[in-house]
Amino acid sequence: MPQHDALALLAIAAIPVVTGLGALALAHRGRVPVAAVLLGVPLAMVLSLVVAVPVVSRCRDARDAMRVAAALLSPAERETLRGSGLFCPGVLTFRRNGKTTCLVPDGEGGASVGCG
């Protein structure tokens, strides 16, 4: 398992725990009602897990596509390689023979060339 995947899995476990401990600390100081903590913290923990897992998966796929780009694309094509989004792009675009085409992660540690 690559180091960045291990750190991502650690973050998935740590985010809910830190959220819960922070809410309990606020409840202990009397700033938040205990009933709100008992209801809100489990919900926040589940929601953070539901959000974190897809983000980690998408970022892993984007890193894999960037890594594979070195083998699939020429140096000139790699210079035109751009992500479709600001954060962990799902599709990378580049110029090949004067036309814009895509590099799409395949979900298995590689990528394929083609839009569609």
Protein backbone atom coordinates (compact mmCIF):
# COMPACT_ATOMS: atom_id res chain seq x y z
CA MET A 1 0.00 0.00 0.00
CA PRO A 2 1.51 3.33 -1.02
CA GLN A 3 2.23 5.81 1.74
CA HIS A 4 -0.36 8.35 0.53
CA ASP A 5 -3.10 5.67 0.66
CA ALA A 6 -2.13 4.79 4.23
CA LEU A 7 -2.31 8.46 5.21
CA ALA A 8 -5.71 8.78 3.55
CA LEU A 9 -7.06 5.77 5.44
CA LEU A 10 -5.69 7.26 8.66
CA ALA A 11 -7.48 10.53 7.88
CA ILE A 12 -10.75 8.67 7.28
CA ALA A 13 -10.51 7.22 10.77
CA ALA A 14 -9.13 10.36 12.44
CA ILE A 15 -11.65 12.93 11.15
CA PRO A 16 -14.68 11.41 12.93
CA VAL A 17 -12.71 10.82 16.13
CA VAL A 18 -11.41 14.41 16.24
CA THR A 19 -14.91 15.73 15.48
CA GLY A 20 -16.37 13.68 18.30
CA LEU A 21 -13.72 14.68 20.82
CA GLY A 22 -14.11 18.36 19.93
CA ALA A 23 -17.88 18.20 20.39
CA LEU A 24 -17.50 16.40 23.70
CA ALA A 25 -15.05 19.05 24.89
CA LEU A 26 -17.54 21.80 23.99
CA ALA A 27 -20.33 19.92 25.77
CA HIS A 28 -18.15 19.49 28.85
CA ARG A 29 -17.57 23.25 28.98
CA GLY A 30 -21.30 23.87 28.72
CA ARG A 31 -21.19 25.57 25.34
CA VAL A 32 -23.20 22.85 23.58
CA PRO A 33 -26.05 20.85 25.12
CA VAL A 34 -25.10 17.24 25.82
CA ALA A 35 -28.22 16.00 23.98
CA ALA A 36 -27.05 17.78 20.83
CA VAL A 37 -23.68 16.08 21.11
CA LEU A 38 -25.25 12.65 21.61
CA LEU A 39 -27.37 13.12 18.48
CA GLY A 40 -25.07 15.22 16.34
CA VAL A 41 -21.70 13.53 16.76
CA PRO A 42 -22.71 10.10 15.42
CA LEU A 43 -24.39 11.80 12.47
CA ALA A 44 -21.31 13.94 11.82
CA MET A 45 -19.07 10.87 12.04
CA VAL A 46 -21.14 8.97 9.47
CA LEU A 47 -21.35 11.97 7.15
CA SER A 48 -17.61 12.61 7.31
CA LEU A 49 -16.99 8.97 6.42
CA VAL A 50 -19.47 9.14 3.54
CA VAL A 51 -17.70 12.23 2.20
CA ALA A 52 -14.11 11.16 2.86
CA VAL A 53 -14.15 7.73 1.19
CA PRO A 54 -15.19 8.94 -2.30
CA VAL A 55 -12.76 11.87 -2.13
CA VAL A 56 -9.88 9.56 -1.21
CA SER A 57 -10.81 7.18 -4.01
CA ARG A 58 -11.06 9.98 -6.57
CA CYS A 59 -7.72 11.46 -5.51
CA ARG A 60 -6.05 8.04 -5.74
CA ASP A 61 -7.43 7.60 -9.28
CA ALA A 62 -6.20 11.07 -10.28
CA ARG A 63 -2.70 10.32 -8.96
CA ASP A 64 -2.67 7.01 -10.83
CA ALA A 65 -3.67 8.72 -14.08
CA MET A 66 -0.92 11.31 -13.68
CA ARG A 67 1.61 8.54 -13.01
CA VAL A 68 0.51 6.54 -16.07
CA ALA A 69 0.55 9.66 -18.26
CA ALA A 70 4.33 9.40 -18.50
CA ALA A 71 4.02 6.07 -20.32
CA LEU A 72 0.95 6.81 -22.45
CA LEU A 73 1.71 10.34 -23.64
CA SER A 74 4.56 11.92 -25.55
CA PRO A 75 6.55 14.73 -23.90
CA ALA A 76 4.68 17.32 -26.02
CA GLU A 77 1.32 15.85 -24.97
CA ARG A 78 2.35 15.82 -21.31
CA GLU A 79 3.08 19.55 -21.53
CA THR A 80 -0.56 20.18 -22.52
CA LEU A 81 -1.99 17.87 -19.84
CA ARG A 82 -4.59 19.67 -17.70
CA GLY A 83 -7.03 18.53 -15.05
CA SER A 84 -10.77 19.01 -15.51
CA GLY A 85 -11.18 20.35 -11.98
CA LEU A 86 -9.31 22.16 -9.28
CA PHE A 87 -9.16 19.30 -6.79
CA CYS A 88 -8.40 15.70 -7.81
CA PRO A 89 -9.60 15.85 -11.41
CA GLY A 90 -11.62 12.91 -12.66
CA VAL A 91 -10.61 13.54 -16.27
CA LEU A 92 -7.36 14.94 -17.64
CA THR A 93 -7.31 16.62 -21.05
CA PHE A 94 -4.39 17.06 -23.43
CA ARG A 95 -3.71 17.98 -27.06
CA ARG A 96 -2.95 15.17 -29.54
CA ASN A 97 -2.56 15.89 -33.26
CA GLY A 98 -4.16 19.31 -32.79
CA LYS A 99 -7.28 17.91 -31.09
CA THR A 100 -8.21 17.85 -27.42
CA THR A 101 -8.60 14.36 -26.02
CA CYS A 102 -8.84 12.82 -22.55
CA LEU A 103 -6.91 10.64 -20.17
CA VAL A 104 -9.39 8.88 -17.90
CA PRO A 105 -8.49 6.81 -14.80
CA ASP A 106 -9.64 3.20 -15.10
CA GLY A 107 -10.02 2.61 -11.34
CA GLU A 108 -7.40 -0.15 -11.34
CA GLY A 109 -4.25 1.94 -11.07
CA GLY A 110 -4.05 2.87 -14.73
CA ALA A 111 -5.72 5.11 -17.27
CA SER A 112 -7.06 5.00 -20.81
CA VAL A 113 -6.84 7.54 -23.59
CA GLY A 114 -10.10 8.74 -25.09
CA CYS A 115 -13.10 10.87 -24.21
CA GLY A 116 -16.14 8.68 -23.88
